[in-house]
Amino acid sequence: MLAKKNMVPFKGTKEQEAQLLEVISQLKDQEGSLMPILQKAQDIYGYLPIEVQTIISNETGIPLEKIYGVVTFYSQFSLYPKGKYNISVCLGTACYVKGSGDLFARLKERLGIEGGQTTSDGKFSLTDCRCIGACGLAPVLTVNEDVYGRLTVDDIDGIIAKYE
């Protein structure tokens, strides 16, 4: 399942690894250091793939299972890279009752990914959110900073085409 979900291969650089090792070296002996190490690692890489978690585990002695548990528990961390265009569909109450669930389903089908994933070319990632404060435009989605409202499923292909 993990291999299928992580569609974009890990492309960490030696420079990123050196930065991470420096961060770990500075923080690992402090009590409660795992969260700051993970936050800085995500700043360095943009996400926390298993390869980065393994480096952290090897360098700190913290079991990989514990690190993975923390990464998957806190919503601030991501196991997958973000695409060039992040599509976020509001699934809050106002948007949902006006069809945002159908929009989300159509996007998953059109892009060939699930929520939280990125297309294999790294162009699109798909997420959901609970409210963006544009309830009067429901249903709403964003592509990066662009807001699209009062949508139907038939609007999805045209929106995607603008970014392809």
N, C-alpha and C. Protein backbone atom coordinates (compact mmCIF):
# COMPACT_ATOMS: atom_id res chain seq x y z
N MET A 1 0.83 -1.20 0.00
CA MET A 1 0.00 0.00 0.00
C MET A 1 0.87 1.25 0.00
N LEU A 2 1.91 1.28 0.84
CA LEU A 2 2.77 2.46 0.92
C LEU A 2 3.44 2.74 -0.42
N ALA A 3 3.93 1.70 -1.09
CA ALA A 3 4.60 1.91 -2.37
C ALA A 3 3.65 2.48 -3.40
N LYS A 4 2.41 2.01 -3.40
CA LYS A 4 1.42 2.52 -4.36
C LYS A 4 1.08 3.97 -4.06
N LYS A 5 0.95 4.30 -2.79
CA LYS A 5 0.52 5.64 -2.41
C LYS A 5 1.62 6.67 -2.66
N ASN A 6 2.87 6.31 -2.40
CA ASN A 6 3.97 7.23 -2.61
C ASN A 6 4.41 7.14 -4.06
N MET A 7 3.73 7.89 -4.91
CA MET A 7 3.93 7.76 -6.35
C MET A 7 5.15 8.54 -6.85
N VAL A 8 5.62 9.50 -6.09
CA VAL A 8 6.77 10.30 -6.50
C VAL A 8 8.00 9.77 -5.76
N PRO A 9 9.02 9.30 -6.48
CA PRO A 9 10.19 8.73 -5.82
C PRO A 9 10.94 9.76 -4.99
N PHE A 10 11.57 9.30 -3.90
CA PHE A 10 12.35 10.16 -3.03
C PHE A 10 13.58 10.67 -3.78
N LYS A 11 13.80 11.99 -3.71
CA LYS A 11 14.92 12.60 -4.42
C LYS A 11 15.73 13.50 -3.50
N GLY A 12 16.03 13.02 -2.31
CA GLY A 12 16.83 13.81 -1.38
C GLY A 12 18.25 13.98 -1.88
N THR A 13 18.84 15.12 -1.54
CA THR A 13 20.21 15.41 -1.96
C THR A 13 21.18 15.23 -0.80
N LYS A 14 22.45 15.16 -1.13
CA LYS A 14 23.49 15.07 -0.09
C LYS A 14 23.49 16.33 0.78
N GLU A 15 23.18 17.48 0.17
CA GLU A 15 23.13 18.74 0.92
C GLU A 15 22.00 18.70 1.95
N GLN A 16 20.84 18.18 1.53
CA GLN A 16 19.72 18.06 2.46
C GLN A 16 20.07 17.11 3.60
N GLU A 17 20.70 16.00 3.26
CA GLU A 17 21.07 15.04 4.29
C GLU A 17 22.07 15.66 5.27
N ALA A 18 23.01 16.43 4.76
CA ALA A 18 23.98 17.10 5.64
C ALA A 18 23.27 18.08 6.57
N GLN A 19 22.29 18.83 6.05
CA GLN A 19 21.52 19.75 6.89
C GLN A 19 20.77 18.99 7.98
N LEU A 20 20.15 17.87 7.60
CA LEU A 20 19.41 17.08 8.57
C LEU A 20 20.33 16.52 9.64
N LEU A 21 21.47 16.00 9.25
CA LEU A 21 22.41 15.45 10.23
C LEU A 21 22.89 16.53 11.20
N GLU A 22 23.08 17.74 10.71
CA GLU A 22 23.48 18.86 11.57
C GLU A 22 22.37 19.18 12.58
N VAL A 23 21.13 19.22 12.12
CA VAL A 23 19.99 19.48 13.00
C VAL A 23 19.90 18.41 14.08
N ILE A 24 20.01 17.16 13.66
CA ILE A 24 19.93 16.05 14.62
C ILE A 24 21.06 16.14 15.63
N SER A 25 22.25 16.45 15.17
CA SER A 25 23.41 16.57 16.05
C SER A 25 23.18 17.65 17.12
N GLN A 26 22.58 18.76 16.70
CA GLN A 26 22.33 19.86 17.63
C GLN A 26 21.22 19.55 18.64
N LEU A 27 20.22 18.78 18.23
CA LEU A 27 19.02 18.62 19.05
C LEU A 27 18.86 17.27 19.75
N LYS A 28 19.53 16.24 19.29
CA LYS A 28 19.19 14.89 19.73
C LYS A 28 19.36 14.63 21.22
N ASP A 29 20.22 15.36 21.90
CA ASP A 29 20.42 15.12 23.33
C ASP A 29 19.48 15.92 24.22
N GLN A 30 18.64 16.75 23.62
CA GLN A 30 17.66 17.52 24.39
C GLN A 30 16.41 16.69 24.60
N GLU A 31 15.82 16.81 25.78
CA GLU A 31 14.57 16.10 26.04
C GLU A 31 13.47 16.65 25.13
N GLY A 32 12.67 15.77 24.58
CA GLY A 32 11.57 16.19 23.70
C GLY A 32 12.04 16.67 22.34
N SER A 33 13.18 16.17 21.89
CA SER A 33 13.77 16.68 20.65
C SER A 33 13.11 16.15 19.38
N LEU A 34 12.30 15.10 19.47
CA LEU A 34 11.77 14.51 18.24
C LEU A 34 10.93 15.49 17.44
N MET A 35 10.01 16.19 18.09
CA MET A 35 9.15 17.14 17.35
C MET A 35 9.96 18.21 16.63
N PRO A 36 10.89 18.90 17.31
CA PRO A 36 11.68 19.90 16.57
C PRO A 36 12.52 19.31 15.45
N ILE A 37 13.03 18.10 15.65
CA ILE A 37 13.80 17.45 14.58
C ILE A 37 12.90 17.18 13.38
N LEU A 38 11.70 16.65 13.64
CA LEU A 38 10.77 16.37 12.55
C LEU A 38 10.34 17.64 11.83
N GLN A 39 10.10 18.70 12.59
CA GLN A 39 9.70 19.98 11.98
C GLN A 39 10.80 20.52 11.08
N LYS A 40 12.03 20.47 11.57
CA LYS A 40 13.15 20.97 10.75
C LYS A 40 13.39 20.05 9.55
N ALA A 41 13.23 18.75 9.74
CA ALA A 41 13.39 17.81 8.62
C ALA A 41 12.36 18.10 7.53
N GLN A 42 11.13 18.38 7.94
CA GLN A 42 10.11 18.70 6.95
C GLN A 42 10.42 20.03 6.26
N ASP A 43 10.98 20.98 6.99
CA ASP A 43 11.40 22.24 6.36
C ASP A 43 12.48 21.97 5.31
N ILE A 44 13.38 21.06 5.59
CA ILE A 44 14.48 20.76 4.68
C ILE A 44 13.98 20.03 3.43
N TYR A 45 13.15 19.00 3.62
CA TYR A 45 12.73 18.14 2.51
C TYR A 45 11.36 18.49 1.93
N GLY A 46 10.54 19.18 2.70
CA GLY A 46 9.18 19.50 2.27
C GLY A 46 8.16 18.44 2.68
N TYR A 47 8.64 17.31 3.13
CA TYR A 47 7.79 16.21 3.61
C TYR A 47 8.69 15.23 4.35
N LEU A 48 8.09 14.16 4.93
CA LEU A 48 8.85 13.22 5.74
C LEU A 48 8.70 11.79 5.24
N PRO A 49 9.35 11.46 4.13
CA PRO A 49 9.25 10.09 3.62
C PRO A 49 9.98 9.13 4.55
N ILE A 50 9.76 7.85 4.35
CA ILE A 50 10.35 6.82 5.20
C ILE A 50 11.88 6.92 5.20
N GLU A 51 12.47 7.35 4.11
CA GLU A 51 13.93 7.48 4.04
C GLU A 51 14.43 8.50 5.06
N VAL A 52 13.72 9.61 5.21
CA VAL A 52 14.11 10.66 6.16
C VAL A 52 13.85 10.17 7.58
N GLN A 53 12.72 9.51 7.79
CA GLN A 53 12.42 8.97 9.12
C GLN A 53 13.48 7.95 9.55
N THR A 54 13.97 7.17 8.60
CA THR A 54 15.00 6.17 8.90
C THR A 54 16.30 6.84 9.33
N ILE A 55 16.69 7.91 8.66
CA ILE A 55 17.89 8.66 9.05
C ILE A 55 17.73 9.16 10.49
N ILE A 56 16.57 9.73 10.78
CA ILE A 56 16.32 10.26 12.13
C ILE A 56 16.39 9.14 13.16
N SER A 57 15.80 8.00 12.84
CA SER A 57 15.83 6.86 13.75
C SER A 57 17.27 6.39 13.98
N ASN A 58 18.03 6.23 12.91
CA ASN A 58 19.40 5.75 13.02
C ASN A 58 20.28 6.69 13.83
N GLU A 59 20.05 7.99 13.66
CA GLU A 59 20.91 8.99 14.32
C GLU A 59 20.51 9.28 15.77
N THR A 60 19.23 9.09 16.09
CA THR A 60 18.76 9.41 17.45
C THR A 60 18.57 8.18 18.32
N GLY A 61 18.46 7.01 17.69
CA GLY A 61 18.17 5.80 18.44
C GLY A 61 16.69 5.64 18.78
N ILE A 62 15.86 6.57 18.30
CA ILE A 62 14.41 6.46 18.51
C ILE A 62 13.88 5.44 17.51
N PRO A 63 13.09 4.46 17.99
CA PRO A 63 12.59 3.44 17.06
C PRO A 63 11.78 4.06 15.91
N LEU A 64 11.98 3.50 14.73
CA LEU A 64 11.30 3.99 13.53
C LEU A 64 9.78 3.95 13.72
N GLU A 65 9.27 2.95 14.43
CA GLU A 65 7.83 2.84 14.65
C GLU A 65 7.30 4.04 15.43
N LYS A 66 8.07 4.50 16.41
CA LYS A 66 7.65 5.66 17.21
C LYS A 66 7.65 6.92 16.33
N ILE A 67 8.68 7.08 15.52
CA ILE A 67 8.78 8.24 14.63
C ILE A 67 7.60 8.24 13.65
N TYR A 68 7.34 7.10 13.04
CA TYR A 68 6.22 6.98 12.09
C TYR A 68 4.90 7.30 12.80
N GLY A 69 4.74 6.83 14.02
CA GLY A 69 3.53 7.11 14.79
C GLY A 69 3.33 8.59 15.02
N VAL A 70 4.39 9.31 15.34
CA VAL A 70 4.31 10.76 15.55
C VAL A 70 3.99 11.46 14.23
N VAL A 71 4.68 11.07 13.17
CA VAL A 71 4.48 11.71 11.86
C VAL A 71 3.04 11.53 11.37
N THR A 72 2.48 10.35 11.58
CA THR A 72 1.12 10.10 11.09
C THR A 72 0.06 10.63 12.04
N PHE A 73 0.42 10.92 13.29
CA PHE A 73 -0.56 11.44 14.24
C PHE A 73 -0.81 12.93 14.04
N TYR A 74 0.24 13.69 13.80
CA TYR A 74 0.13 15.15 13.71
C TYR A 74 -0.10 15.59 12.26
N SER A 75 -1.15 16.38 12.06
CA SER A 75 -1.52 16.80 10.70
C SER A 75 -0.51 17.76 10.08
N GLN A 76 0.36 18.36 10.88
CA GLN A 76 1.36 19.27 10.31
C GLN A 76 2.41 18.54 9.47
N PHE A 77 2.52 17.23 9.67
CA PHE A 77 3.52 16.45 8.94
C PHE A 77 2.88 15.76 7.74
N SER A 78 3.68 15.62 6.68
CA SER A 78 3.22 14.95 5.48
C SER A 78 4.20 13.84 5.10
N LEU A 79 3.66 12.69 4.73
CA LEU A 79 4.47 11.58 4.25
C LEU A 79 4.78 11.70 2.76
N TYR A 80 4.08 12.61 2.09
CA TYR A 80 4.18 12.70 0.64
C TYR A 80 4.49 14.13 0.21
N PRO A 81 5.22 14.27 -0.90
CA PRO A 81 5.54 15.62 -1.38
C PRO A 81 4.30 16.31 -1.92
N LYS A 82 4.31 17.60 -1.90
CA LYS A 82 3.23 18.39 -2.48
C LYS A 82 3.54 18.62 -3.96
N GLY A 83 2.49 18.65 -4.76
CA GLY A 83 2.65 18.92 -6.18
C GLY A 83 2.87 20.40 -6.44
N LYS A 84 3.23 20.71 -7.66
CA LYS A 84 3.38 22.11 -8.07
C LYS A 84 2.06 22.85 -7.86
N TYR A 85 0.96 22.16 -8.12
CA TYR A 85 -0.38 22.73 -7.92
C TYR A 85 -1.11 21.90 -6.87
N ASN A 86 -1.37 22.49 -5.72
CA ASN A 86 -2.10 21.80 -4.67
C ASN A 86 -3.58 22.14 -4.79
N ILE A 87 -4.38 21.13 -5.08
CA ILE A 87 -5.82 21.30 -5.19
C ILE A 87 -6.42 20.91 -3.85
N SER A 88 -7.14 21.83 -3.23
CA SER A 88 -7.77 21.57 -1.95
C SER A 88 -9.28 21.79 -2.09
N VAL A 89 -10.04 20.76 -1.77
CA VAL A 89 -11.49 20.82 -1.88
C VAL A 89 -12.08 20.99 -0.48
N CYS A 90 -12.93 22.00 -0.33
CA CYS A 90 -13.58 22.21 0.96
C CYS A 90 -14.66 21.15 1.15
N LEU A 91 -14.56 20.42 2.25
CA LEU A 91 -15.57 19.42 2.60
C LEU A 91 -16.33 19.84 3.86
N GLY A 92 -16.29 21.14 4.16
CA GLY A 92 -17.08 21.66 5.27
C GLY A 92 -18.56 21.52 4.97
N THR A 93 -19.39 21.74 5.97
CA THR A 93 -20.82 21.47 5.84
C THR A 93 -21.47 22.17 4.65
N ALA A 94 -21.29 23.48 4.52
CA ALA A 94 -21.95 24.21 3.43
C ALA A 94 -21.52 23.69 2.07
N CYS A 95 -20.24 23.45 1.90
CA CYS A 95 -19.75 22.94 0.62
C CYS A 95 -20.19 21.50 0.40
N TYR A 96 -20.15 20.71 1.44
CA TYR A 96 -20.50 19.30 1.28
C TYR A 96 -21.95 19.11 0.86
N VAL A 97 -22.86 19.86 1.50
CA VAL A 97 -24.28 19.69 1.13
C VAL A 97 -24.56 20.21 -0.28
N LYS A 98 -23.66 21.02 -0.81
CA LYS A 98 -23.84 21.51 -2.18
C LYS A 98 -23.00 20.74 -3.20
N GLY A 99 -22.42 19.59 -2.78
CA GLY A 99 -21.79 18.70 -3.75
C GLY A 99 -20.28 18.62 -3.78
N SER A 100 -19.58 19.14 -2.76
CA SER A 100 -18.12 19.09 -2.82
C SER A 100 -17.58 17.66 -2.74
N GLY A 101 -18.33 16.75 -2.12
CA GLY A 101 -17.90 15.35 -2.09
C GLY A 101 -17.81 14.78 -3.50
N ASP A 102 -18.76 15.16 -4.35
CA ASP A 102 -18.73 14.72 -5.74
C ASP A 102 -17.55 15.35 -6.50
N LEU A 103 -17.25 16.61 -6.18
CA LEU A 103 -16.09 17.27 -6.81
C LEU A 103 -14.81 16.53 -6.44
N PHE A 104 -14.69 16.20 -5.15
CA PHE A 104 -13.50 15.50 -4.66
C PHE A 104 -13.37 14.14 -5.35
N ALA A 105 -14.48 13.41 -5.46
CA ALA A 105 -14.47 12.11 -6.14
C ALA A 105 -14.05 12.25 -7.60
N ARG A 106 -14.55 13.28 -8.28
CA ARG A 106 -14.19 13.50 -9.69
C ARG A 106 -12.71 13.84 -9.83
N LEU A 107 -12.18 14.64 -8.92
CA LEU A 107 -10.76 14.98 -8.96
C LEU A 107 -9.90 13.73 -8.74
N LYS A 108 -10.27 12.89 -7.81
CA LYS A 108 -9.53 11.65 -7.58
C LYS A 108 -9.51 10.81 -8.85
N GLU A 109 -10.65 10.71 -9.49
CA GLU A 109 -10.75 9.93 -10.73
C GLU A 109 -9.93 10.57 -11.84
N ARG A 110 -10.07 11.87 -12.02
CA ARG A 110 -9.39 12.61 -13.10
C ARG A 110 -7.88 12.58 -12.95
N LEU A 111 -7.40 12.74 -11.70
CA LEU A 111 -5.96 12.79 -11.46
C LEU A 111 -5.35 11.41 -11.21
N GLY A 112 -6.19 10.43 -10.89
CA GLY A 112 -5.69 9.07 -10.63
C GLY A 112 -4.98 8.94 -9.31
N ILE A 113 -5.35 9.77 -8.34
CA ILE A 113 -4.74 9.72 -7.01
C ILE A 113 -5.82 9.82 -5.94
N GLU A 114 -5.45 9.50 -4.73
CA GLU A 114 -6.34 9.65 -3.58
C GLU A 114 -6.01 10.97 -2.88
N GLY A 115 -6.87 11.37 -1.95
CA GLY A 115 -6.57 12.54 -1.15
C GLY A 115 -5.27 12.36 -0.39
N GLY A 116 -4.46 13.40 -0.34
CA GLY A 116 -3.16 13.34 0.32
C GLY A 116 -2.05 12.86 -0.58
N GLN A 117 -2.36 12.54 -1.83
CA GLN A 117 -1.35 12.04 -2.75
C GLN A 117 -0.97 13.10 -3.79
N THR A 118 0.09 12.78 -4.51
CA THR A 118 0.61 13.63 -5.58
C THR A 118 0.72 12.80 -6.85
N THR A 119 0.40 13.40 -7.99
CA THR A 119 0.52 12.68 -9.26
C THR A 119 1.98 12.31 -9.51
N SER A 120 2.19 11.26 -10.29
CA SER A 120 3.54 10.74 -10.51
C SER A 120 4.46 11.76 -11.17
N ASP A 121 3.90 12.72 -11.92
CA ASP A 121 4.73 13.75 -12.54
C ASP A 121 5.03 14.91 -11.60
N GLY A 122 4.48 14.85 -10.37
CA GLY A 122 4.73 15.90 -9.38
C GLY A 122 3.96 17.18 -9.63
N LYS A 123 3.04 17.17 -10.58
CA LYS A 123 2.33 18.39 -10.95
C LYS A 123 1.18 18.73 -10.01
N PHE A 124 0.37 17.73 -9.62
CA PHE A 124 -0.81 17.99 -8.81
C PHE A 124 -0.79 17.18 -7.51
N SER A 125 -1.20 17.82 -6.43
CA SER A 125 -1.51 17.09 -5.21
C SER A 125 -2.95 17.43 -4.84
N LEU A 126 -3.59 16.51 -4.14
CA LEU A 126 -5.00 16.66 -3.81
C LEU A 126 -5.21 16.52 -2.32
N THR A 127 -5.82 17.53 -1.73
CA THR A 127 -6.13 17.49 -0.31
C THR A 127 -7.56 17.95 -0.10
N ASP A 128 -8.04 17.74 1.11
CA ASP A 128 -9.33 18.29 1.48
C ASP A 128 -9.15 19.17 2.70
N CYS A 129 -10.09 20.06 2.91
CA CYS A 129 -10.06 20.91 4.10
C CYS A 129 -11.49 21.01 4.63
N ARG A 130 -11.64 21.57 5.78
CA ARG A 130 -12.97 21.62 6.39
C ARG A 130 -13.69 22.94 6.15
N CYS A 131 -13.01 24.03 5.96
CA CYS A 131 -13.69 25.30 5.65
C CYS A 131 -12.64 26.32 5.26
N ILE A 132 -12.90 27.05 4.18
CA ILE A 132 -11.98 28.12 3.79
C ILE A 132 -12.63 29.49 3.98
N GLY A 133 -13.84 29.51 4.55
CA GLY A 133 -14.51 30.77 4.83
C GLY A 133 -15.18 31.40 3.63
N ALA A 134 -15.47 30.60 2.62
CA ALA A 134 -16.15 31.11 1.43
C ALA A 134 -17.46 30.37 1.23
N CYS A 135 -18.20 30.20 2.31
CA CYS A 135 -19.43 29.39 2.29
C CYS A 135 -20.46 29.92 1.29
N GLY A 136 -20.47 31.22 1.05
CA GLY A 136 -21.40 31.79 0.08
C GLY A 136 -21.12 31.37 -1.34
N LEU A 137 -19.92 30.83 -1.59
CA LEU A 137 -19.53 30.37 -2.93
C LEU A 137 -19.60 28.85 -3.05
N ALA A 138 -20.14 28.19 -2.04
CA ALA A 138 -20.14 26.72 -1.99
C ALA A 138 -20.75 26.09 -3.23
N PRO A 139 -20.16 24.97 -3.66
CA PRO A 139 -18.95 24.33 -3.18
C PRO A 139 -17.69 24.99 -3.76
N VAL A 140 -16.62 24.94 -2.97
CA VAL A 140 -15.40 25.68 -3.28
C VAL A 140 -14.20 24.74 -3.32
N LEU A 141 -13.26 25.03 -4.22
CA LEU A 141 -11.94 24.42 -4.18
C LEU A 141 -10.91 25.48 -4.49
N THR A 142 -9.68 25.22 -4.08
CA THR A 142 -8.57 26.12 -4.40
C THR A 142 -7.51 25.34 -5.16
N VAL A 143 -6.82 26.04 -6.03
CA VAL A 143 -5.62 25.53 -6.67
C VAL A 143 -4.55 26.54 -6.30
N ASN A 144 -3.66 26.13 -5.39
CA ASN A 144 -2.73 27.04 -4.75
C ASN A 144 -3.53 28.21 -4.18
N GLU A 145 -3.35 29.43 -4.68
CA GLU A 145 -4.07 30.58 -4.13
C GLU A 145 -5.32 30.95 -4.93
N ASP A 146 -5.58 30.26 -6.02
CA ASP A 146 -6.75 30.55 -6.85
C ASP A 146 -7.98 29.87 -6.26
N VAL A 147 -9.07 30.63 -6.11
CA VAL A 147 -10.31 30.12 -5.53
C VAL A 147 -11.36 29.95 -6.62
N TYR A 148 -12.01 28.78 -6.63
CA TYR A 148 -13.07 28.49 -7.57
C TYR A 148 -14.33 28.14 -6.78
N GLY A 149 -15.44 28.82 -7.09
CA GLY A 149 -16.66 28.58 -6.34
C GLY A 149 -17.86 28.32 -7.22
N ARG A 150 -18.95 27.91 -6.56
CA ARG A 150 -20.21 27.56 -7.22
C ARG A 150 -19.98 26.54 -8.34
N LEU A 151 -19.24 25.50 -7.98
CA LEU A 151 -18.79 24.52 -8.96
C LEU A 151 -19.75 23.36 -9.13
N THR A 152 -19.64 22.72 -10.28
CA THR A 152 -20.28 21.43 -10.53
C THR A 152 -19.18 20.47 -10.98
N VAL A 153 -19.50 19.21 -10.98
CA VAL A 153 -18.54 18.19 -11.44
C VAL A 153 -18.08 18.49 -12.86
N ASP A 154 -18.95 19.05 -13.67
CA ASP A 154 -18.60 19.37 -15.07
C ASP A 154 -17.54 20.45 -15.19
N ASP A 155 -17.28 21.22 -14.11
CA ASP A 155 -16.26 22.27 -14.14
C ASP A 155 -14.84 21.74 -13.94
N ILE A 156 -14.71 20.53 -13.42
CA ILE A 156 -13.39 20.01 -13.00
C ILE A 156 -12.41 19.92 -14.16
N ASP A 157 -12.80 19.35 -15.27
CA ASP A 157 -11.86 19.18 -16.39
C ASP A 157 -11.31 20.51 -16.88
N GLY A 158 -12.15 21.54 -16.94
CA GLY A 158 -11.70 22.85 -17.38
C GLY A 158 -10.72 23.48 -16.40
N ILE A 159 -10.95 23.29 -15.11
CA ILE A 159 -10.03 23.83 -14.11
C ILE A 159 -8.68 23.14 -14.22
N ILE A 160 -8.68 21.82 -14.31
CA ILE A 160 -7.41 21.08 -14.42
C ILE A 160 -6.66 21.49 -15.68
N ALA A 161 -7.37 21.68 -16.77
CA ALA A 161 -6.75 22.04 -18.05
C ALA A 161 -5.97 23.35 -17.96
N LYS A 162 -6.40 24.28 -17.11
CA LYS A 162 -5.69 25.56 -16.96
C LYS A 162 -4.28 25.38 -16.42
N TYR A 163 -4.03 24.28 -15.72
CA TYR A 163 -2.75 24.08 -15.05
C TYR A 163 -1.89 22.99 -15.69
N GLU A 164 -2.41 22.34 -16.71
CA GLU A 164 -1.65 21.25 -17.34
C GLU A 164 -0.58 21.74 -18.29
